Amino acid sequence: MPKSKVKKKRLFREVSYLKENYINKNYLKELRSTRIMFCEDNDISFSHLEFLLWAYDKEFWTINYAADEYGFNKKNFGNRILFPLQRAGMIYKHFDKLTPSDTREDHLFRDETKMNYRVRYAITQKARMVVQAFYRRLES
């Protein structure tokens, strides 16, 4: 184990910080307190905020993809996260089941037909603004 270079007068302190030139940016230091205050101020649960952070960089997704990537059962994911966020106006159907395709190639080569097509969901502008507000609060 390396020998400590801490001065003897610091030996009995509760905490000793590193010099600032050793650390660049430490945004996540206040993550827990920022999350608690942000969720209370914006009336959103942490699990919903966490999902919006996950979905922020995606144009759209299916329930199957999101449940697999997010580590949820498909039914639980829909009931606990997707549908409450949809009722709150944070998620919308980007492509609905009966959205017609425009090109002939889609009709010829598509594996999904009108009967087995999965709905594609996306986050709304309101949700994007919530995520951006969370990032801004975390940086300040």
Protein backbone atom coordinates (compact mmCIF):
# COMPACT_ATOMS: atom_id res chain seq x y z
CA MET A 1 0.00 0.00 0.00
CA PRO A 2 1.42 3.41 -0.91
CA LYS A 3 2.54 5.68 1.83
CA SER A 4 0.19 8.61 2.39
CA LYS A 5 1.43 12.11 1.71
CA VAL A 6 -1.17 13.74 3.95
CA LYS A 7 0.19 16.31 6.34
CA LYS A 8 0.04 15.39 10.02
CA LYS A 9 -2.22 18.34 10.85
CA ARG A 10 -4.88 16.90 8.51
CA LEU A 11 -4.72 13.46 10.06
CA PHE A 12 -7.69 13.88 12.43
CA ARG A 13 -10.08 15.72 10.06
CA GLU A 14 -13.36 14.18 8.95
CA VAL A 15 -12.66 14.97 5.30
CA SER A 16 -9.80 16.21 3.18
CA TYR A 17 -10.37 17.34 -0.40
CA LEU A 18 -8.04 16.81 -3.33
CA LYS A 19 -6.53 19.84 -5.00
CA GLU A 20 -8.75 21.33 -7.74
CA ASN A 21 -6.18 20.78 -10.47
CA TYR A 22 -6.54 16.98 -10.03
CA ILE A 23 -10.30 17.03 -10.74
CA ASN A 24 -11.88 18.39 -13.93
CA LYS A 25 -15.67 18.52 -13.50
CA ASN A 26 -17.68 16.67 -10.92
CA TYR A 27 -21.31 17.10 -12.06
CA LEU A 28 -22.56 13.89 -10.48
CA LYS A 29 -21.45 14.80 -6.98
CA GLU A 30 -24.79 16.47 -6.30
CA LEU A 31 -26.85 13.96 -8.29
CA ARG A 32 -28.94 12.63 -5.41
CA SER A 33 -29.88 15.97 -3.89
CA THR A 34 -30.50 17.51 -7.32
CA ARG A 35 -32.70 14.58 -8.32
CA ILE A 36 -34.79 14.80 -5.15
CA MET A 37 -35.33 18.55 -5.46
CA PHE A 38 -35.99 18.38 -9.21
CA CYS A 39 -38.54 15.57 -8.90
CA GLU A 40 -40.39 17.42 -6.14
CA ASP A 41 -40.38 20.74 -8.04
CA ASN A 42 -41.58 19.24 -11.34
CA ASP A 43 -43.97 16.65 -9.88
CA ILE A 44 -42.32 13.69 -11.63
CA SER A 45 -41.20 10.41 -10.10
CA PHE A 46 -37.57 9.37 -10.25
CA SER A 47 -38.32 6.26 -12.32
CA HIS A 48 -40.09 8.40 -14.93
CA LEU A 49 -37.26 10.94 -14.99
CA GLU A 50 -34.74 8.13 -15.33
CA PHE A 51 -36.64 6.72 -18.31
CA LEU A 52 -36.83 10.14 -19.97
CA LEU A 53 -33.05 10.44 -19.56
CA TRP A 54 -32.69 7.04 -21.25
CA ALA A 55 -35.02 7.95 -24.11
CA TYR A 56 -33.70 11.48 -24.66
CA ASP A 57 -31.35 10.60 -27.54
CA LYS A 58 -33.75 8.25 -29.35
CA GLU A 59 -36.03 9.33 -32.19
CA PHE A 60 -38.52 6.52 -31.48
CA TRP A 61 -38.67 2.99 -30.04
CA THR A 62 -41.03 0.04 -29.54
CA ILE A 63 -42.20 -1.31 -26.19
CA ASN A 64 -40.26 -4.53 -26.80
CA TYR A 65 -36.99 -2.69 -27.44
CA ALA A 66 -37.39 -0.34 -24.48
CA ALA A 67 -38.34 -3.14 -22.09
CA ASP A 68 -35.37 -5.27 -23.17
CA GLU A 69 -32.86 -2.41 -23.05
CA TYR A 70 -34.24 -0.95 -19.85
CA GLY A 71 -34.38 -4.34 -18.10
CA PHE A 72 -38.13 -4.54 -17.47
CA ASN A 73 -40.83 -7.06 -18.20
CA LYS A 74 -42.85 -5.80 -21.19
CA LYS A 75 -46.15 -5.70 -19.27
CA ASN A 76 -44.64 -4.05 -16.18
CA PHE A 77 -42.82 -1.53 -18.34
CA GLY A 78 -46.03 -0.49 -20.04
CA ASN A 79 -48.04 -0.27 -16.82
CA ARG A 80 -45.43 1.44 -14.64
CA ILE A 81 -43.55 3.72 -17.00
CA LEU A 82 -44.86 4.07 -20.54
CA PHE A 83 -48.61 4.55 -20.05
CA PRO A 84 -48.36 6.94 -17.05
CA LEU A 85 -45.90 9.08 -19.02
CA GLN A 86 -48.22 8.96 -22.02
CA ARG A 87 -51.14 10.17 -19.86
CA ALA A 88 -48.90 12.97 -18.52
CA GLY A 89 -48.15 14.14 -22.06
CA MET A 90 -44.48 13.14 -22.01
CA ILE A 91 -44.69 10.30 -24.55
CA TYR A 92 -46.71 10.00 -27.75
CA LYS A 93 -47.21 7.46 -30.53
CA HIS A 94 -44.72 8.43 -33.21
CA PHE A 95 -46.03 5.81 -35.65
CA ASP A 96 -49.38 4.26 -34.89
CA LYS A 97 -50.47 0.75 -35.92
CA LEU A 98 -52.31 1.85 -39.02
CA THR A 99 -49.76 4.32 -40.38
CA PRO A 100 -49.48 3.53 -44.09
CA SER A 101 -46.11 3.24 -45.76
CA ASP A 102 -45.25 5.52 -48.66
CA THR A 103 -42.99 3.42 -50.82
CA ARG A 104 -43.55 0.33 -52.87
CA GLU A 105 -40.43 -1.31 -51.40
CA ASP A 106 -41.93 -1.08 -47.93
CA HIS A 107 -44.95 -3.01 -49.07
CA LEU A 108 -42.87 -5.67 -50.80
CA PHE A 109 -40.05 -6.29 -48.31
CA ARG A 110 -41.41 -5.36 -44.89
CA ASP A 111 -41.58 -8.16 -42.35
CA GLU A 112 -44.21 -6.37 -40.28
CA THR A 113 -47.66 -6.29 -41.79
CA LYS A 114 -50.68 -4.27 -40.76
CA MET A 115 -51.66 -7.05 -38.33
CA ASN A 116 -48.34 -7.47 -36.51
CA TYR A 117 -46.94 -3.93 -36.67
CA ARG A 118 -45.65 -2.58 -33.36
CA VAL A 119 -46.36 0.98 -32.33
CA ARG A 120 -43.34 3.30 -32.20
CA TYR A 121 -43.24 5.72 -29.28
CA ALA A 122 -41.24 8.94 -28.80
CA ILE A 123 -40.87 11.59 -26.13
CA THR A 124 -42.62 14.92 -26.56
CA GLN A 125 -41.10 18.38 -26.58
CA LYS A 126 -42.38 18.84 -23.02
CA ALA A 127 -40.33 15.80 -21.94
CA ARG A 128 -37.26 17.09 -23.77
CA MET A 129 -37.58 20.38 -21.89
CA VAL A 130 -37.80 18.50 -18.57
CA VAL A 131 -34.61 16.58 -19.36
CA GLN A 132 -32.79 19.76 -20.41
CA ALA A 133 -33.91 21.50 -17.22
CA PHE A 134 -32.57 18.56 -15.19
CA TYR A 135 -29.20 18.77 -16.97
CA ARG A 136 -29.03 22.53 -16.38
CA ARG A 137 -29.79 22.13 -12.69
CA LEU A 138 -27.22 19.36 -12.38
CA GLU A 139 -24.50 21.55 -13.95
CA SER A 140 -25.16 24.54 -11.73
